Amino acid sequence: MPSRDIIAALATPPGRSGVGVIRISGPALGGMARSLVEKPLPPRCAVLAQFRDARGAAIDQGLALYFPAPHSYTGEDVLELHGHGGPVVLRLVLERCLDLGARVAEPGEFTKRAFLNGKLDLAQAESVIDLIDAATAHAARGAVRSLCGLFSKEIQWLISELIDLRALVEATLDFPEEEIDFLRQSDAEGRLRKLETQVEAVLEATRQGSLLREGMHVVLAGQPNVGKSSLLNRLTGEELAIVTEVPGTTRDAIRQAIDIDGVPAHIIDTAGLRESDDPVEKIGISRTWDAIERADVVLLLIDATIGETAADREILGRLPGRLPRIRVYNKIDLLPRAAAVDRHPGGAAVWLSAKTGKGLELLRRELLETVGWHSTGESLFLARERHVEALRRAQEHLQEASSLGEQFELLAEQLRLAQEALSCITGEFTADDLLGEIFSRFCIGK
C-alpha cells in the first residue's frame, strides 16, 4: 500500500548548477507549503516566492509549483521548489522540509508511489530510468514510447484477448450439457492461433528493444599483434589503447561504449591469447577468457598477411559453442585485397584494415546482423530481459494450449498461466521483492 509519509529529495544532480529542484510528495502538503512559501500557491502555476526558514527569514528565492492530488506525478500532493543550484542553499531548503515533517526519499520512491497510486504501470515506471540512462538517440526514443504506454497497450491487448478466450473455455466447462458449442461458434482455435502470432510479434519487438537498452558486448580476441588495440581505437575514434609492435602490450581488458547505428555497443579489447610465463600477462589472458564467457559476440582478429594459423584454430575451438563469432582479417592495407565479407557455415569473415579504416563499415553492419538487429528503432519500445522472459513463458503456455485439443480443463489452465505471465510485465501480479529490486536502481529524487 502507498506510504502516508511525506518524502523530500533533491531532484537535480548534486553539485553546482544554475537551478536546483527540491521535490516533496505526500498527503496534505498545504500546511507545509504555507510554512515554506509566503505566498498562496494556485494549483499547477509557477509562483515567484521566497523559501523561508523557521524564523521566517528567507533561505532562497525561486519558483514554487504545487500539484494537488491526484493530478500529479505521484498521485499525491507534490510541491516543487526551483531555487538556485548551490549545494549549500539546496541543503538548507531540504533541511527545512525535513524539519517540517518530511523524510529523505529512498531511490526511486517518487516513481514507486506513482506506480502504487496507479499513475504508471510497472513497464512505464521502468521506462523512466531507461530514459534517464539511454545511451543513444534510438534508445531514448524507445524509452519515451514505453513511457507513453505503447508497450503496455500491446500487453493489455494480449491480456484482453486471453480473457475473452478464457471466458469461452470456462463457459464450455460450466455448461457441458448445452447444445451450443461455444468454442467452435466463436472460432476459439483461430483466436488462439492469432494470439500466438501476436505474442511472437511482440516478443520479437521486445528482443529488439532489449538489445537497444542493454547494448551488445563485443570482445576483441586473438593472438598478440594482430591489431586488436588498433581496431578498438578505430571503432571508438580515440587513442584509448597503446599500440606497439611489442607482443603482450595489452595486459588488461580495456572497455569503451560506442554507438553503432543507434545501438549501444560495449567494445572490450583484451590481452593477446598465447602461452606466456609472464605472471602479469597470464592474469590478463585469464581475464580475456572471462570476458569471452560474458560476451554477446567475439571478433577473432587474424593477421591477413599470414592467414588463419593453428593457434587461431585453437582459440576458435575453445570459444563457447553458443557464442557468435566473426573472423576479422586485419592488415589488408599490406595486401592487394579489397575489403569484403565472406560467409561460411562457421561464421562470417570480414576483411579490413584497422590502420586505414577500410572495411570498418562492413564490420559494423555484420555486428548488427550477428546480434539480430534488423530495425531502425523508429517503432520500437525499450524493454528489459524480464519482459522478454515473461513473453517467452506466455508463448510456451499458448503453444501448450494449442496442443491440448478438447482437454478443456488443461486448456483453461494453460491460458490462465499465459495471462499471469503477461500481467507480470505491467505489474498486476508482481512480487514485492521484484519491486524493491526495480526501484532501488533509480536515482534519489526520481
Protein backbone atom coordinates (compact mmCIF):
# COMPACT_ATOMS: atom_id res chain seq x y z
CA MET A 1 0.00 0.00 0.00
CA PRO A 2 1.15 3.58 -0.62
CA SER A 3 3.00 5.16 2.31
CA ARG A 4 1.48 8.05 4.27
CA ASP A 5 4.93 9.59 4.83
CA ILE A 6 5.94 12.89 3.31
CA ILE A 7 9.14 12.46 1.30
CA ALA A 8 11.55 15.09 0.02
CA ALA A 9 14.71 14.95 -2.09
CA LEU A 10 16.94 16.90 -4.40
CA ALA A 11 15.61 16.14 -7.91
CA THR A 12 18.58 17.62 -9.77
CA PRO A 13 22.13 16.23 -9.76
CA PRO A 14 24.30 17.16 -6.75
CA GLY A 15 26.86 19.88 -7.25
CA ARG A 16 26.74 23.46 -8.52
CA SER A 17 24.23 24.35 -11.24
CA GLY A 18 22.13 27.25 -12.40
CA VAL A 19 18.94 25.80 -10.94
CA GLY A 20 18.31 23.17 -8.28
CA VAL A 21 14.96 21.48 -7.63
CA ILE A 22 13.67 20.12 -4.34
CA ARG A 23 10.72 17.75 -4.80
CA ILE A 24 8.27 16.93 -2.00
CA SER A 25 5.41 14.40 -2.13
CA GLY A 26 2.86 13.21 0.39
CA PRO A 27 -0.65 13.67 1.71
CA ALA A 28 -1.97 17.14 2.53
CA LEU A 29 1.04 19.31 1.76
CA GLY A 30 -0.90 22.56 2.09
CA GLY A 31 0.39 23.26 5.61
CA MET A 32 3.99 22.59 4.65
CA ALA A 33 3.64 24.80 1.59
CA ARG A 34 2.35 27.69 3.73
CA SER A 35 5.29 27.30 6.13
CA LEU A 36 7.86 27.23 3.32
CA VAL A 37 6.44 29.90 0.99
CA GLU A 38 4.97 33.23 1.98
CA LYS A 39 2.52 33.35 -0.95
CA PRO A 40 -0.59 31.32 -1.87
CA LEU A 41 0.18 28.65 -4.47
CA PRO A 42 -2.55 28.18 -7.10
CA PRO A 43 -2.55 24.61 -8.49
CA ARG A 44 -0.10 23.99 -11.35
CA CYS A 45 1.09 27.59 -11.57
CA ALA A 46 4.70 28.73 -11.15
CA VAL A 47 4.90 31.38 -8.41
CA LEU A 48 7.98 33.51 -7.74
CA ALA A 49 8.47 33.38 -3.98
CA GLN A 50 10.94 33.27 -1.12
CA PHE A 51 11.60 29.99 0.68
CA ARG A 52 11.64 30.68 4.43
CA ASP A 53 13.25 29.08 7.47
CA ALA A 54 11.60 28.52 10.87
CA ARG A 55 12.12 32.18 11.87
CA GLY A 56 10.57 33.47 8.65
CA ALA A 57 13.89 34.55 7.18
CA ALA A 58 14.50 33.93 3.51
CA ILE A 59 16.69 30.94 2.63
CA ASP A 60 16.41 31.37 -1.14
CA GLN A 61 14.18 32.85 -3.84
CA GLY A 62 12.82 30.89 -6.76
CA LEU A 63 9.74 29.29 -8.31
CA ALA A 64 7.28 27.21 -6.32
CA LEU A 65 4.85 24.83 -8.03
CA TYR A 66 2.04 22.98 -6.26
CA PHE A 67 0.31 19.94 -7.80
CA PRO A 68 -2.67 18.81 -5.69
CA ALA A 69 -3.56 15.11 -5.66
CA PRO A 70 -4.45 13.20 -7.73
CA HIS A 71 -3.23 15.34 -10.64
CA SER A 72 0.49 14.97 -10.01
CA TYR A 73 3.38 12.66 -10.92
CA THR A 74 2.98 10.52 -7.79
CA GLY A 75 -0.78 10.83 -7.44
CA GLU A 76 -0.23 12.59 -4.09
CA ASP A 77 0.19 16.29 -3.33
CA VAL A 78 3.51 17.34 -4.87
CA LEU A 79 5.42 20.55 -4.17
CA GLU A 80 8.46 21.55 -6.22
CA LEU A 81 10.83 24.33 -5.19
CA HIS A 82 13.03 25.58 -8.05
CA GLY A 83 15.83 27.61 -6.50
CA HIS A 84 19.45 28.47 -7.11
CA GLY A 85 21.66 25.48 -7.70
CA GLY A 86 24.27 25.96 -4.97
CA PRO A 87 24.86 22.89 -2.77
CA VAL A 88 24.67 24.86 0.50
CA VAL A 89 21.41 26.68 -0.23
CA LEU A 90 19.76 23.49 -1.52
CA ARG A 91 20.82 21.65 1.63
CA LEU A 92 19.27 24.42 3.78
CA VAL A 93 15.97 24.20 1.87
CA LEU A 94 15.93 20.40 2.16
CA GLU A 95 16.70 20.56 5.89
CA ARG A 96 13.77 22.97 6.31
CA CYS A 97 11.50 20.40 4.61
CA LEU A 98 12.75 17.71 7.00
CA ASP A 99 12.14 19.98 9.99
CA LEU A 100 8.52 20.33 8.82
CA GLY A 101 7.97 16.56 8.94
CA ALA A 102 9.29 15.16 5.70
CA ARG A 103 11.89 12.41 5.43
CA VAL A 104 14.54 11.90 2.77
CA ALA A 105 13.14 9.87 -0.15
CA GLU A 106 14.59 6.48 -0.99
CA PRO A 107 15.94 5.76 -4.51
CA GLY A 108 13.03 5.65 -6.95
CA GLU A 109 10.43 6.32 -4.28
CA PHE A 110 8.63 9.06 -6.20
CA THR A 111 8.16 6.77 -9.20
CA LYS A 112 7.29 3.82 -6.96
CA ARG A 113 4.48 5.90 -5.45
CA ALA A 114 3.32 6.80 -8.96
CA PHE A 115 3.10 3.06 -9.69
CA LEU A 116 1.35 2.20 -6.41
CA ASN A 117 -1.14 5.04 -6.94
CA GLY A 118 -1.98 3.88 -10.47
CA LYS A 119 -0.35 6.77 -12.32
CA LEU A 120 2.04 4.42 -14.16
CA ASP A 121 2.12 0.69 -14.68
CA LEU A 122 5.34 -1.18 -13.95
CA ALA A 123 6.58 -1.19 -17.55
CA GLN A 124 6.09 2.57 -17.74
CA ALA A 125 7.83 3.07 -14.40
CA GLU A 126 10.85 1.10 -15.62
CA SER A 127 10.99 3.23 -18.76
CA VAL A 128 11.57 6.33 -16.59
CA ILE A 129 15.03 5.14 -15.54
CA ASP A 130 15.62 3.73 -19.03
CA LEU A 131 15.02 7.20 -20.47
CA ILE A 132 17.46 8.73 -17.98
CA ASP A 133 20.09 6.08 -18.75
CA ALA A 134 19.56 5.96 -22.54
CA ALA A 135 22.93 5.80 -24.30
CA THR A 136 21.73 6.54 -27.86
CA ALA A 137 19.01 8.58 -29.56
CA HIS A 138 17.21 5.37 -30.62
CA ALA A 139 17.23 4.16 -27.02
CA ALA A 140 15.86 7.48 -25.75
CA ARG A 141 13.02 7.45 -28.30
CA GLY A 142 12.23 3.83 -27.44
CA ALA A 143 12.09 4.69 -23.74
CA VAL A 144 9.72 7.59 -24.43
CA ARG A 145 7.40 5.26 -26.37
CA SER A 146 7.36 2.85 -23.43
CA LEU A 147 6.76 5.72 -21.01
CA CYS A 148 3.83 6.88 -23.14
CA GLY A 149 2.30 3.42 -22.75
CA LEU A 150 2.74 1.92 -26.23
CA PHE A 151 4.35 -1.26 -24.89
CA SER A 152 1.73 -1.53 -22.14
CA LYS A 153 -1.08 -1.17 -24.68
CA GLU A 154 0.32 -4.12 -26.66
CA ILE A 155 0.41 -6.22 -23.49
CA GLN A 156 -3.07 -5.12 -22.40
CA TRP A 157 -4.48 -6.06 -25.80
CA LEU A 158 -3.00 -9.55 -25.48
CA ILE A 159 -4.39 -9.89 -21.96
CA SER A 160 -7.84 -8.75 -23.11
CA GLU A 161 -7.87 -11.34 -25.91
CA LEU A 162 -6.75 -14.01 -23.46
CA ILE A 163 -9.53 -13.10 -21.04
CA ASP A 164 -12.13 -13.42 -23.81
CA LEU A 165 -10.74 -16.79 -24.84
CA ARG A 166 -10.66 -17.99 -21.24
CA ALA A 167 -14.31 -16.97 -20.86
CA LEU A 168 -15.26 -19.17 -23.81
CA VAL A 169 -13.37 -22.16 -22.41
CA GLU A 170 -14.87 -21.66 -18.96
CA ALA A 171 -18.36 -21.46 -20.48
CA THR A 172 -17.78 -24.83 -22.14
CA LEU A 173 -16.69 -26.27 -18.80
CA ASP A 174 -19.59 -24.74 -16.87
CA PHE A 175 -22.34 -25.74 -19.32
CA PRO A 176 -21.27 -29.06 -20.87
CA GLU A 177 -24.88 -30.16 -21.38
CA GLU A 178 -25.76 -27.19 -23.58
CA GLU A 179 -26.13 -27.84 -27.29
CA ILE A 180 -24.27 -24.66 -28.14
CA ASP A 181 -20.59 -25.26 -28.80
CA PHE A 182 -19.12 -22.01 -27.55
CA LEU A 183 -15.63 -22.71 -28.78
CA ARG A 184 -16.44 -23.66 -32.36
CA GLN A 185 -19.01 -20.93 -32.89
CA SER A 186 -16.56 -18.33 -31.60
CA ASP A 187 -13.62 -19.70 -33.62
CA ALA A 188 -11.61 -20.27 -30.44
CA GLU A 189 -8.96 -22.20 -32.36
CA GLY A 190 -8.44 -19.33 -34.82
CA ARG A 191 -8.31 -16.81 -31.99
CA LEU A 192 -5.70 -18.90 -30.21
CA ARG A 193 -3.57 -19.03 -33.37
CA LYS A 194 -3.92 -15.26 -33.75
CA LEU A 195 -2.80 -14.80 -30.14
CA GLU A 196 0.26 -16.97 -30.73
CA THR A 197 1.17 -14.91 -33.80
CA GLN A 198 0.74 -11.62 -31.99
CA VAL A 199 2.76 -12.77 -28.97
CA GLU A 200 5.57 -13.80 -31.32
CA ALA A 201 5.47 -10.36 -32.98
CA VAL A 202 5.58 -8.55 -29.62
CA LEU A 203 8.33 -10.89 -28.42
CA GLU A 204 10.46 -10.07 -31.45
CA ALA A 205 9.94 -6.34 -30.95
CA THR A 206 10.80 -6.79 -27.28
CA ARG A 207 14.03 -8.63 -28.13
CA GLN A 208 14.97 -5.69 -30.34
CA GLY A 209 14.06 -3.25 -27.56
CA SER A 210 16.11 -5.23 -25.05
CA LEU A 211 19.13 -5.03 -27.37
CA LEU A 212 18.55 -1.30 -27.70
CA ARG A 213 18.53 -0.96 -23.92
CA GLU A 214 21.30 -3.35 -22.92
CA GLY A 215 23.53 -2.97 -25.96
CA MET A 216 25.83 -5.67 -27.28
CA HIS A 217 29.03 -6.77 -25.57
CA VAL A 218 31.75 -7.30 -28.16
CA VAL A 219 35.10 -8.84 -27.21
CA LEU A 220 38.17 -8.37 -29.41
CA ALA A 221 40.23 -11.55 -29.13
CA GLY A 222 43.18 -13.09 -30.91
CA GLN A 223 46.91 -13.59 -30.77
CA PRO A 224 49.26 -10.73 -29.88
CA ASN A 225 49.99 -8.10 -32.54
CA VAL A 226 47.02 -8.87 -34.80
CA GLY A 227 45.60 -5.35 -34.38
CA LYS A 228 43.03 -5.63 -31.57
CA SER A 229 44.03 -2.34 -29.95
CA SER A 230 44.22 -0.61 -33.33
CA LEU A 231 40.70 -1.79 -34.12
CA LEU A 232 39.43 -0.55 -30.73
CA ASN A 233 40.94 2.86 -31.38
CA ARG A 234 39.46 2.97 -34.88
CA LEU A 235 35.96 1.92 -33.70
CA THR A 236 35.89 4.45 -30.87
CA GLY A 237 37.66 7.25 -32.72
CA GLU A 238 40.02 7.72 -29.76
CA GLU A 239 43.53 6.59 -28.89
CA LEU A 240 42.37 4.51 -25.91
CA ALA A 241 44.76 1.60 -26.23
CA ILE A 242 48.54 1.71 -26.55
CA VAL A 243 49.62 0.31 -29.91
CA THR A 244 53.15 -1.04 -30.31
CA GLU A 245 54.82 -3.88 -32.16
CA VAL A 246 55.85 -5.43 -28.83
CA PRO A 247 53.80 -8.60 -28.18
CA GLY A 248 51.83 -8.51 -24.93
CA THR A 249 51.48 -4.71 -24.74
CA THR A 250 47.81 -5.02 -23.69
CA ARG A 251 47.80 -6.65 -20.26
CA ASP A 252 44.24 -5.96 -19.10
CA ALA A 253 40.82 -5.51 -20.68
CA ILE A 254 40.00 -2.01 -21.97
CA ARG A 255 36.30 -1.23 -22.24
CA GLN A 256 34.60 1.52 -24.20
CA ALA A 257 30.96 2.17 -25.15
CA ILE A 258 30.18 3.28 -28.70
CA ASP A 259 27.10 3.78 -30.85
CA ILE A 260 26.64 1.61 -33.95
CA ASP A 261 23.72 2.97 -35.98
CA GLY A 262 21.83 3.80 -32.79
CA VAL A 263 22.58 0.51 -31.00
CA PRO A 264 24.85 0.74 -27.94
CA ALA A 265 27.94 -1.46 -28.18
CA HIS A 266 30.40 -2.19 -25.38
CA ILE A 267 33.76 -2.94 -27.01
CA ILE A 268 36.31 -4.82 -24.91
CA ASP A 269 39.93 -5.02 -26.02
CA THR A 270 41.74 -7.93 -24.36
CA ALA A 271 45.21 -9.32 -23.85
CA GLY A 272 46.61 -11.39 -26.69
CA LEU A 273 45.96 -15.12 -26.31
CA ARG A 274 49.17 -17.11 -26.23
CA GLU A 275 51.29 -19.22 -23.89
CA SER A 276 53.23 -16.97 -21.52
CA ASP A 277 55.43 -17.27 -18.44
CA ASP A 278 54.89 -13.62 -17.51
CA PRO A 279 52.64 -13.69 -14.39
CA VAL A 280 51.03 -10.33 -15.23
CA GLU A 281 50.32 -11.34 -18.81
CA LYS A 282 48.88 -14.67 -17.61
CA ILE A 283 46.39 -12.77 -15.44
CA GLY A 284 45.42 -10.65 -18.47
CA ILE A 285 44.90 -13.78 -20.59
CA SER A 286 42.72 -15.33 -17.86
CA ARG A 287 40.61 -12.17 -17.80
CA THR A 288 40.31 -12.36 -21.58
CA TRP A 289 38.63 -15.76 -21.32
CA ASP A 290 36.37 -14.46 -18.55
CA ALA A 291 35.29 -11.59 -20.83
CA ILE A 292 34.65 -14.02 -23.69
CA GLU A 293 32.32 -16.07 -21.45
CA ARG A 294 30.15 -12.98 -20.89
CA ALA A 295 30.24 -11.67 -24.48
CA ASP A 296 27.39 -11.45 -26.98
CA VAL A 297 29.79 -11.78 -29.91
CA VAL A 298 33.53 -12.30 -30.31
CA LEU A 299 35.68 -10.74 -33.02
CA LEU A 300 38.62 -13.06 -33.58
CA LEU A 301 41.31 -10.94 -35.17
CA ILE A 302 43.67 -12.69 -37.61
CA ASP A 303 46.69 -11.26 -39.38
CA ALA A 304 45.59 -11.24 -43.03
CA THR A 305 49.21 -11.29 -44.21
CA ILE A 306 49.69 -14.67 -42.52
CA GLY A 307 46.22 -16.19 -42.66
CA GLU A 308 44.50 -18.46 -40.18
CA THR A 309 47.05 -20.43 -38.18
CA ALA A 310 46.88 -23.46 -35.90
CA ALA A 311 46.91 -21.08 -32.93
CA ASP A 312 43.87 -19.24 -34.34
CA ARG A 313 42.04 -22.54 -34.82
CA GLU A 314 42.88 -23.49 -31.24
CA ILE A 315 41.32 -20.24 -29.99
CA LEU A 316 38.21 -20.87 -32.12
CA GLY A 317 37.97 -24.37 -30.67
CA ARG A 318 37.97 -23.02 -27.12
CA LEU A 319 35.19 -20.49 -27.72
CA PRO A 320 31.82 -21.41 -26.18
CA GLY A 321 29.74 -23.25 -28.77
CA ARG A 322 26.71 -20.95 -28.40
CA LEU A 323 28.77 -17.78 -28.81
CA PRO A 324 28.54 -15.99 -32.18
CA ARG A 325 31.93 -15.19 -33.66
CA ILE A 326 33.24 -13.15 -36.59
CA ARG A 327 36.69 -13.71 -38.03
CA VAL A 328 38.31 -10.33 -38.73
CA TYR A 329 41.21 -10.50 -41.18
CA ASN A 330 43.15 -7.34 -40.40
CA LYS A 331 46.01 -5.55 -42.21
CA ILE A 332 44.62 -5.75 -45.76
CA ASP A 333 46.46 -2.46 -46.35
CA LEU A 334 49.55 -4.68 -46.68
CA LEU A 335 47.86 -6.87 -49.31
CA PRO A 336 46.40 -6.34 -52.78
CA ARG A 337 42.94 -7.17 -51.43
CA ALA A 338 39.71 -5.19 -51.13
CA ALA A 339 37.56 -5.01 -48.02
CA ALA A 340 34.89 -7.70 -48.11
CA VAL A 341 32.63 -10.02 -46.13
CA ASP A 342 32.80 -13.78 -46.67
CA ARG A 343 30.11 -16.05 -45.27
CA HIS A 344 30.50 -19.73 -44.49
CA PRO A 345 28.96 -22.27 -42.06
CA GLY A 346 31.49 -21.46 -39.32
CA GLY A 347 30.54 -17.78 -39.28
CA ALA A 348 31.25 -14.64 -41.25
CA ALA A 349 34.70 -13.27 -42.06
CA VAL A 350 35.39 -9.57 -42.57
CA TRP A 351 38.49 -8.35 -44.38
CA LEU A 352 39.55 -4.87 -43.26
CA SER A 353 42.34 -2.54 -42.22
CA ALA A 354 42.22 -1.13 -38.71
CA LYS A 355 45.06 1.19 -39.71
CA THR A 356 43.23 2.91 -42.59
CA GLY A 357 39.61 2.21 -41.59
CA LYS A 358 38.94 0.42 -44.86
CA GLY A 359 36.16 -2.16 -44.37
CA LEU A 360 35.10 -0.80 -40.98
CA GLU A 361 31.55 -0.09 -42.11
CA LEU A 362 31.25 -3.72 -43.29
CA LEU A 363 32.22 -4.85 -39.79
CA ARG A 364 29.64 -2.58 -38.17
CA ARG A 365 26.86 -3.96 -40.37
CA GLU A 366 27.99 -7.53 -39.73
CA LEU A 367 27.97 -6.95 -35.98
CA LEU A 368 24.38 -5.68 -36.07
CA GLU A 369 23.28 -8.62 -38.19
CA THR A 370 25.05 -11.13 -35.95
CA VAL A 371 23.27 -9.95 -32.79
CA GLY A 372 19.92 -9.90 -34.58
CA TRP A 373 19.33 -6.18 -35.05
CA HIS A 374 17.07 -5.53 -38.03
CA SER A 375 15.09 -2.44 -37.14
CA THR A 376 15.58 1.28 -37.48
CA GLY A 377 14.28 1.62 -33.93
CA GLU A 378 11.58 4.09 -35.02
CA SER A 379 8.73 1.77 -34.00
CA LEU A 380 10.37 0.05 -31.03
CA PHE A 381 9.85 0.39 -27.32
CA LEU A 382 12.62 -0.19 -24.83
CA ALA A 383 12.30 -3.50 -22.99
CA ARG A 384 14.06 -5.45 -20.29
CA GLU A 385 15.14 -9.05 -20.01
CA ARG A 386 12.28 -9.78 -17.59
CA HIS A 387 9.82 -8.59 -20.26
CA VAL A 388 11.38 -10.95 -22.79
CA GLU A 389 11.26 -13.84 -20.32
CA ALA A 390 7.60 -13.15 -19.44
CA LEU A 391 6.64 -13.15 -23.13
CA ARG A 392 8.58 -16.38 -23.66
CA ARG A 393 6.62 -18.02 -20.83
CA ALA A 394 3.34 -16.79 -22.28
CA GLN A 395 4.35 -18.12 -25.69
CA GLU A 396 5.17 -21.55 -24.23
CA HIS A 397 1.80 -21.75 -22.44
CA LEU A 398 -0.05 -20.78 -25.62
CA GLN A 399 1.85 -23.40 -27.61
CA GLU A 400 0.96 -26.00 -24.98
CA ALA A 401 -2.67 -24.86 -25.12
CA SER A 402 -2.72 -25.36 -28.91
CA SER A 403 -1.65 -28.97 -28.50
CA LEU A 404 -4.37 -29.94 -25.99
CA GLY A 405 -7.33 -30.27 -28.35
CA GLU A 406 -10.54 -30.73 -26.33
CA GLN A 407 -8.89 -31.26 -22.95
CA PHE A 408 -10.68 -28.15 -21.74
CA GLU A 409 -9.58 -28.25 -18.10
CA LEU A 410 -5.92 -28.30 -19.11
CA LEU A 411 -6.56 -25.73 -21.84
CA ALA A 412 -8.11 -23.35 -19.31
CA GLU A 413 -5.09 -23.71 -17.02
CA GLN A 414 -2.57 -23.00 -19.78
CA LEU A 415 -4.49 -19.88 -20.81
CA ARG A 416 -4.56 -18.74 -17.18
CA LEU A 417 -0.80 -19.21 -16.86
CA ALA A 418 -0.23 -17.28 -20.11
CA GLN A 419 -2.31 -14.38 -18.81
CA GLU A 420 -0.44 -14.40 -15.49
CA ALA A 421 2.92 -14.25 -17.30
CA LEU A 422 1.81 -11.23 -19.34
CA SER A 423 0.35 -9.49 -16.29
CA CYS A 424 3.75 -9.60 -14.60
CA ILE A 425 5.04 -7.17 -17.23
CA THR A 426 2.70 -4.36 -16.24
CA GLY A 427 2.79 -5.23 -12.54
CA GLU A 428 -0.65 -6.72 -11.97
CA PHE A 429 0.98 -9.83 -10.48
CA THR A 430 4.37 -8.81 -9.14
CA ALA A 431 6.28 -9.90 -6.06
CA ASP A 432 7.33 -7.21 -3.58
CA ASP A 433 10.99 -8.24 -3.82
CA LEU A 434 10.91 -7.59 -7.58
CA LEU A 435 9.51 -4.10 -6.96
CA GLY A 436 12.30 -3.45 -4.47
CA GLU A 437 14.91 -4.59 -6.98
CA ILE A 438 13.49 -2.43 -9.78
CA PHE A 439 13.10 0.82 -7.87
CA SER A 440 16.38 0.51 -5.96
CA ARG A 441 18.17 1.14 -9.27
CA PHE A 442 16.61 4.61 -9.61
CA CYS A 443 18.32 7.78 -8.52
CA ILE A 444 17.12 9.58 -5.37
CA GLY A 445 14.66 12.31 -6.33
CA LYS A 446 13.07 10.22 -9.09
